[in-house]
Amino acid sequence: MDFIELSEKRFTAKKFNPEKIISKSDFEKLKKILQLSPSSVNSQPWMFIWGSAKASKNRIRPALFDFNWDRLDTCSHFVVIAVRKSLPETYQRKLIDQEKADGRIKSEDIAKSAYEFRKVYIDLLDSRGVTQCWAKHQAYIAMTTLLYGAKAMGIDSTPIEGFNPEEMDKILNLDNYGFTSALVITLGYDADDDHNRDRPKSRWPEKDIFVCLDNA
């Protein structure tokens, strides 16, 4: 299906069929989709923490607000997206090394320029005290990539902001690694009695949300 059709058909699952499990090969594809997600200045400030076992679900469950428990309990897999609290020079240099290893950067001159450009931008974010907020914006890009990638594979999903980040960070010991939790996504196959499956989408009409500057 094309992307318009995909966008029309994708919906947020409110309840999954716990008997239907995402195959190992399909989940590896979902991981690859997350790995390939775009990010500003190729910063990739994230870590993806996933699980499928009941014990893993129970571990993060206390951090979720109770109205989201069913979406966790019945899902096949979940992903917690965590982001770095800061991007120090040591991280930026490792990122340049990875870009060189992957062939994205082909000379030391380009590496020097790329490093300096990214550092100036991150220093600007730091000076405004918004680096962590900006990193969370990147998490939303990765989440959206996953939601639509999953739907293209016939896998349903639920994006979750309804959780306590401080509690999640404590459960996953994220402070020890310099990360903080940003989002949770549950994945699986929609339950037959999910009321949200067949509800029509409701969106503002185009005339109310698009502004063309060409003739302004």
Protein backbone atom coordinates (compact mmCIF):
# COMPACT_ATOMS: atom_id res chain seq x y z
CA MET A 1 0.00 0.00 0.00
CA ASP A 2 1.15 3.58 -0.56
CA PHE A 3 1.82 5.91 2.37
CA ILE A 4 -1.57 7.65 2.17
CA GLU A 5 -3.35 4.32 2.43
CA LEU A 6 -1.02 3.30 5.24
CA SER A 7 -1.79 6.53 7.10
CA GLU A 8 -5.52 6.01 6.64
CA LYS A 9 -5.42 2.44 7.93
CA ARG A 10 -3.05 2.87 10.86
CA PHE A 11 -4.74 3.27 14.24
CA THR A 12 -3.75 3.14 17.89
CA ALA A 13 -4.53 -0.28 19.32
CA LYS A 14 -6.32 -0.08 22.65
CA LYS A 15 -6.05 -3.81 23.27
CA PHE A 16 -3.98 -6.60 21.72
CA ASN A 17 -4.63 -10.29 21.13
CA PRO A 18 -2.22 -11.90 23.65
CA GLU A 19 -2.26 -15.17 21.70
CA LYS A 20 -0.67 -13.58 18.61
CA ILE A 21 3.05 -13.01 18.98
CA ILE A 22 5.38 -11.06 16.70
CA SER A 23 7.87 -13.48 15.15
CA LYS A 24 11.56 -13.17 15.96
CA SER A 25 12.35 -12.30 12.34
CA ASP A 26 9.69 -9.58 12.22
CA PHE A 27 10.87 -8.06 15.47
CA GLU A 28 14.41 -7.97 14.11
CA LYS A 29 13.00 -5.93 11.22
CA LEU A 30 11.34 -3.55 13.68
CA LYS A 31 14.66 -3.12 15.46
CA LYS A 32 16.31 -2.33 12.13
CA ILE A 33 13.61 0.27 11.42
CA LEU A 34 14.41 1.94 14.74
CA GLN A 35 18.14 1.76 14.11
CA LEU A 36 17.67 3.50 10.73
CA SER A 37 15.50 6.30 12.12
CA PRO A 38 16.58 9.80 11.11
CA SER A 39 17.70 12.38 13.67
CA SER A 40 18.87 15.98 13.66
CA VAL A 41 22.56 16.26 12.72
CA ASN A 42 22.60 12.45 12.82
CA SER A 43 22.80 12.74 16.61
CA GLN A 44 21.05 9.42 17.37
CA PRO A 45 20.73 10.36 21.06
CA TRP A 46 18.69 7.29 21.96
CA MET A 47 18.62 3.84 23.44
CA PHE A 48 15.83 1.34 22.75
CA ILE A 49 14.97 -0.96 25.66
CA TRP A 50 12.63 -3.76 24.66
CA GLY A 51 10.99 -6.83 26.09
CA SER A 52 8.34 -9.45 25.45
CA ALA A 53 8.38 -11.72 28.51
CA LYS A 54 5.77 -11.35 31.23
CA ALA A 55 8.51 -10.62 33.76
CA SER A 56 9.80 -7.75 31.61
CA LYS A 57 6.30 -6.31 31.26
CA ASN A 58 5.74 -6.59 34.99
CA ARG A 59 9.03 -4.84 35.64
CA ILE A 60 8.02 -1.63 33.84
CA ARG A 61 4.30 -1.86 34.64
CA PRO A 62 4.46 0.20 37.86
CA ALA A 63 5.72 3.19 35.88
CA LEU A 64 2.71 3.17 33.54
CA PHE A 65 -0.51 4.91 34.47
CA ASP A 66 -3.17 2.30 35.19
CA PHE A 67 -5.25 3.13 32.09
CA ASN A 68 -2.34 1.86 29.98
CA TRP A 69 -1.83 -1.45 31.79
CA ASP A 70 -4.04 -3.43 29.40
CA ARG A 71 -2.03 -2.15 26.43
CA LEU A 72 1.13 -3.46 28.06
CA ASP A 73 -0.27 -6.68 29.51
CA THR A 74 -1.72 -7.90 26.20
CA CYS A 75 1.00 -6.75 23.80
CA SER A 76 3.54 -9.02 22.14
CA HIS A 77 6.52 -6.67 22.60
CA PHE A 78 7.21 -3.26 24.04
CA VAL A 79 9.91 -0.66 23.44
CA VAL A 80 10.97 2.08 25.84
CA ILE A 81 12.76 4.90 24.06
CA ALA A 82 15.29 6.61 26.31
CA VAL A 83 17.41 9.61 25.37
CA ARG A 84 20.71 11.00 26.54
CA LYS A 85 20.59 13.81 29.06
CA SER A 86 23.62 15.37 27.41
CA LEU A 87 25.86 14.85 24.40
CA PRO A 88 29.40 15.45 25.65
CA GLU A 89 32.45 15.71 23.43
CA THR A 90 33.35 12.08 24.11
CA TYR A 91 30.01 11.02 22.62
CA GLN A 92 30.38 13.36 19.66
CA ARG A 93 33.82 11.97 18.85
CA LYS A 94 32.54 8.38 19.05
CA LEU A 95 29.76 9.38 16.66
CA ILE A 96 32.30 10.74 14.17
CA ASP A 97 34.28 7.48 14.46
CA GLN A 98 31.12 5.49 13.68
CA GLU A 99 30.32 7.68 10.69
CA LYS A 100 33.86 7.12 9.39
CA ALA A 101 33.58 3.36 9.91
CA ASP A 102 30.27 3.31 8.03
CA GLY A 103 31.71 5.25 5.09
CA ARG A 104 29.54 8.30 5.69
CA ILE A 105 32.65 10.41 6.26
CA LYS A 106 35.46 9.71 3.81
CA SER A 107 38.32 11.96 4.88
CA GLU A 108 39.84 13.53 7.99
CA ASP A 109 39.08 17.01 6.64
CA ILE A 110 35.39 16.15 6.33
CA ALA A 111 35.49 14.52 9.78
CA LYS A 112 36.94 17.70 11.29
CA SER A 113 34.33 19.91 9.64
CA ALA A 114 31.47 17.59 10.60
CA TYR A 115 32.63 17.41 14.20
CA GLU A 116 33.01 21.17 14.50
CA PHE A 117 29.62 21.87 12.91
CA ARG A 118 27.81 19.43 15.19
CA LYS A 119 29.64 20.69 18.26
CA VAL A 120 28.67 24.30 17.55
CA TYR A 121 25.03 23.24 17.26
CA ILE A 122 25.06 21.13 20.43
CA ASP A 123 26.89 23.90 22.31
CA LEU A 124 24.11 26.25 21.25
CA LEU A 125 21.50 23.85 22.61
CA ASP A 126 23.48 23.49 25.84
CA SER A 127 23.74 27.26 26.24
CA ARG A 128 19.96 27.51 26.04
CA GLY A 129 19.45 24.59 28.41
CA VAL A 130 17.35 22.66 25.89
CA THR A 131 19.58 19.72 24.90
CA GLN A 132 17.51 17.09 26.70
CA CYS A 133 14.26 18.54 25.32
CA TRP A 134 15.76 18.48 21.81
CA ALA A 135 16.88 14.87 22.32
CA LYS A 136 13.29 13.95 23.19
CA HIS A 137 12.16 15.50 19.92
CA GLN A 138 14.41 12.98 18.18
CA ALA A 139 12.68 10.19 20.12
CA TYR A 140 9.36 11.22 18.57
CA ILE A 141 10.90 10.90 15.11
CA ALA A 142 12.04 7.35 15.93
CA MET A 143 8.66 6.50 17.42
CA THR A 144 6.79 7.68 14.32
CA THR A 145 9.15 5.71 12.09
CA LEU A 146 8.37 2.61 14.15
CA LEU A 147 4.59 3.14 14.17
CA TYR A 148 4.34 3.34 10.40
CA GLY A 149 7.00 0.73 9.76
CA ALA A 150 5.10 -1.67 11.98
CA LYS A 151 1.82 -1.00 10.20
CA ALA A 152 3.50 -1.65 6.85
CA MET A 153 4.32 -5.10 8.23
CA GLY A 154 0.74 -5.69 9.46
CA ILE A 155 1.72 -5.09 13.09
CA ASP A 156 -0.38 -2.83 15.33
CA SER A 157 0.99 -0.39 17.86
CA THR A 158 0.24 1.97 20.71
CA PRO A 159 2.38 5.04 21.45
CA ILE A 160 2.35 5.77 25.18
CA GLU A 161 3.19 9.00 26.97
CA GLY A 162 1.04 8.05 29.95
CA PHE A 163 3.75 6.94 32.34
CA ASN A 164 5.94 8.37 35.08
CA PRO A 165 9.40 9.02 33.59
CA GLU A 166 11.06 9.35 36.98
CA GLU A 167 9.71 5.96 38.04
CA MET A 168 10.68 4.39 34.71
CA ASP A 169 14.20 5.81 35.00
CA LYS A 170 14.50 4.32 38.48
CA ILE A 171 13.20 0.89 37.40
CA LEU A 172 15.62 0.72 34.45
CA ASN A 173 18.54 2.38 36.27
CA LEU A 174 18.74 4.93 33.46
CA ASP A 175 20.37 7.60 35.62
CA ASN A 176 23.44 5.39 35.90
CA TYR A 177 23.88 5.58 32.13
CA GLY A 178 23.04 9.25 31.62
CA PHE A 179 19.67 8.53 30.00
CA THR A 180 16.05 9.37 30.72
CA SER A 181 12.89 7.69 29.42
CA ALA A 182 10.90 9.54 26.78
CA LEU A 183 8.28 7.19 25.29
CA VAL A 184 6.85 3.69 25.45
CA ILE A 185 5.49 1.83 22.41
CA THR A 186 3.57 -1.43 22.67
CA LEU A 187 3.36 -3.71 19.65
CA GLY A 188 1.37 -6.73 18.61
CA TYR A 189 -1.82 -7.73 16.81
CA ASP A 190 -5.08 -5.99 17.54
CA ALA A 191 -7.74 -7.77 19.58
CA ASP A 192 -10.99 -8.62 17.81
CA ASP A 193 -12.96 -6.56 20.34
CA ASP A 194 -10.80 -3.44 20.11
CA HIS A 195 -13.32 -0.64 19.68
CA ASN A 196 -10.77 1.67 18.09
CA ARG A 197 -10.08 -0.47 15.04
CA ASP A 198 -13.05 0.57 12.90
CA ARG A 199 -13.65 4.08 14.18
CA PRO A 200 -13.37 6.70 11.41
CA LYS A 201 -10.42 9.04 11.68
CA SER A 202 -11.26 12.61 12.68
CA ARG A 203 -8.88 15.30 11.48
CA TRP A 204 -9.16 19.04 10.90
CA PRO A 205 -9.98 19.85 7.25
CA GLU A 206 -7.07 20.95 5.07
CA LYS A 207 -8.33 24.53 4.87
CA ASP A 208 -7.93 24.87 8.63
CA ILE A 209 -4.36 23.56 8.95
CA PHE A 210 -2.47 24.47 5.77
CA VAL A 211 -1.20 27.96 4.94
CA CYS A 212 0.55 28.65 1.64
CA LEU A 213 3.01 31.52 1.67
CA ASP A 214 3.52 31.61 -2.11
CA ASN A 215 0.83 34.22 -2.71
CA ALA A 216 0.83 35.88 0.70
